[in-house]
């Protein structure tokens, strides 16, 4: 099983959030730093993958409502494609 750990404390802006996600999840060079590109890359994850996103409260403080969109993208794509997504405030 492949496990990815993301930390909302490290994501102080949209740009830093996408850079952090791209780096930690080993996304390809074509990753476009937007919600559609995030959904595309997440849909490529194998079902035996787990994504653990910690400090989501800090993410929400830093990105406001946009954090909810990012987290919803993870939730929606994980439900559709079968990888595990775990959120911890």
Protein backbone atom coordinates (compact mmCIF):
# COMPACT_ATOMS: atom_id res chain seq x y z
CA UNK A 1 0.00 0.00 0.00
CA UNK A 2 1.24 3.46 -0.89
CA UNK A 3 0.56 6.15 1.73
CA UNK A 4 0.72 9.88 1.16
CA UNK A 5 0.74 12.36 4.06
CA UNK A 6 -0.37 15.95 3.51
CA UNK A 7 -0.22 18.65 6.19
CA UNK A 8 -2.53 21.66 6.04
CA UNK A 9 -0.08 23.68 8.16
CA UNK A 10 2.33 23.65 5.22
CA UNK A 11 -0.28 25.12 2.87
CA UNK A 12 -0.47 28.86 3.49
CA UNK A 13 -1.80 29.85 0.05
CA UNK A 14 -3.39 28.17 -2.95
CA UNK A 15 -0.02 28.16 -4.70
CA UNK A 16 1.79 26.57 -1.77
CA UNK A 17 -1.03 24.06 -1.31
CA UNK A 18 -0.77 22.84 -4.89
CA UNK A 19 3.04 22.77 -4.78
CA UNK A 20 2.91 20.76 -1.57
CA UNK A 21 0.32 18.32 -2.93
CA UNK A 22 2.25 17.95 -6.18
CA UNK A 23 5.55 17.24 -4.42
CA UNK A 24 4.24 14.95 -1.69
CA UNK A 25 1.98 12.94 -3.97
CA UNK A 26 4.56 12.67 -6.74
CA UNK A 27 2.25 14.15 -9.38
CA UNK A 28 3.50 14.47 -12.97
CA UNK A 29 5.02 17.63 -14.45
CA UNK A 30 1.80 18.43 -16.30
CA UNK A 31 -0.12 18.93 -13.01
CA UNK A 32 -1.93 22.23 -13.53
CA UNK A 33 -2.37 23.59 -9.98
CA UNK A 34 -6.16 23.77 -10.08
CA UNK A 35 -9.08 21.64 -8.93
CA UNK A 36 -9.61 19.97 -12.31
CA UNK A 37 -5.96 18.92 -12.52
CA UNK A 38 -6.12 17.70 -8.92
CA UNK A 39 -9.15 15.56 -9.77
CA UNK A 40 -7.40 14.18 -12.86
CA UNK A 41 -4.29 13.18 -10.90
CA UNK A 42 -6.27 11.71 -8.01
CA UNK A 43 -8.29 9.60 -10.43
CA UNK A 44 -5.03 7.88 -11.43
CA UNK A 45 -4.32 6.59 -7.89
CA UNK A 46 -4.49 2.86 -7.30
CA UNK A 47 -7.24 1.55 -4.98
CA UNK A 48 -4.63 0.35 -2.48
CA UNK A 49 -3.47 3.96 -1.94
CA UNK A 50 -4.17 5.96 1.21
CA UNK A 51 -4.06 9.74 1.45
CA UNK A 52 -3.91 11.12 4.99
CA UNK A 53 -4.56 14.85 5.24
CA UNK A 54 -3.72 16.25 8.69
CA UNK A 55 -4.28 19.72 10.13
CA UNK A 56 -7.25 20.41 7.88
CA UNK A 57 -8.32 23.13 10.33
CA UNK A 58 -5.10 25.01 9.53
CA UNK A 59 -5.79 24.53 5.82
CA UNK A 60 -9.24 26.08 6.30
CA UNK A 61 -7.74 29.01 8.21
CA UNK A 62 -5.18 29.60 5.47
CA UNK A 63 -7.35 29.09 2.38
CA UNK A 64 -10.84 29.90 3.64
CA UNK A 65 -13.66 28.37 1.61
CA UNK A 66 -11.22 27.17 -1.06
CA UNK A 67 -9.94 24.59 1.46
CA UNK A 68 -13.41 23.03 1.47
CA UNK A 69 -13.25 22.70 -2.32
CA UNK A 70 -9.84 21.03 -2.16
CA UNK A 71 -10.97 18.59 0.52
CA UNK A 72 -14.23 17.88 -1.31
CA UNK A 73 -12.22 17.01 -4.41
CA UNK A 74 -10.21 14.47 -2.43
CA UNK A 75 -13.41 13.04 -0.90
CA UNK A 76 -15.33 12.84 -4.16
CA UNK A 77 -12.54 11.28 -6.19
CA UNK A 78 -11.67 8.79 -3.44
CA UNK A 79 -15.29 7.61 -3.36
CA UNK A 80 -15.39 7.28 -7.13
CA UNK A 81 -12.01 5.59 -7.63
CA UNK A 82 -11.64 3.64 -4.40
CA UNK A 83 -8.50 4.96 -2.70
CA UNK A 84 -8.67 5.75 1.02
CA UNK A 85 -8.90 9.37 2.11
CA UNK A 86 -8.52 10.24 5.78
CA UNK A 87 -8.96 13.77 7.16
CA UNK A 88 -7.74 14.88 10.56
CA UNK A 89 -8.50 18.40 11.78
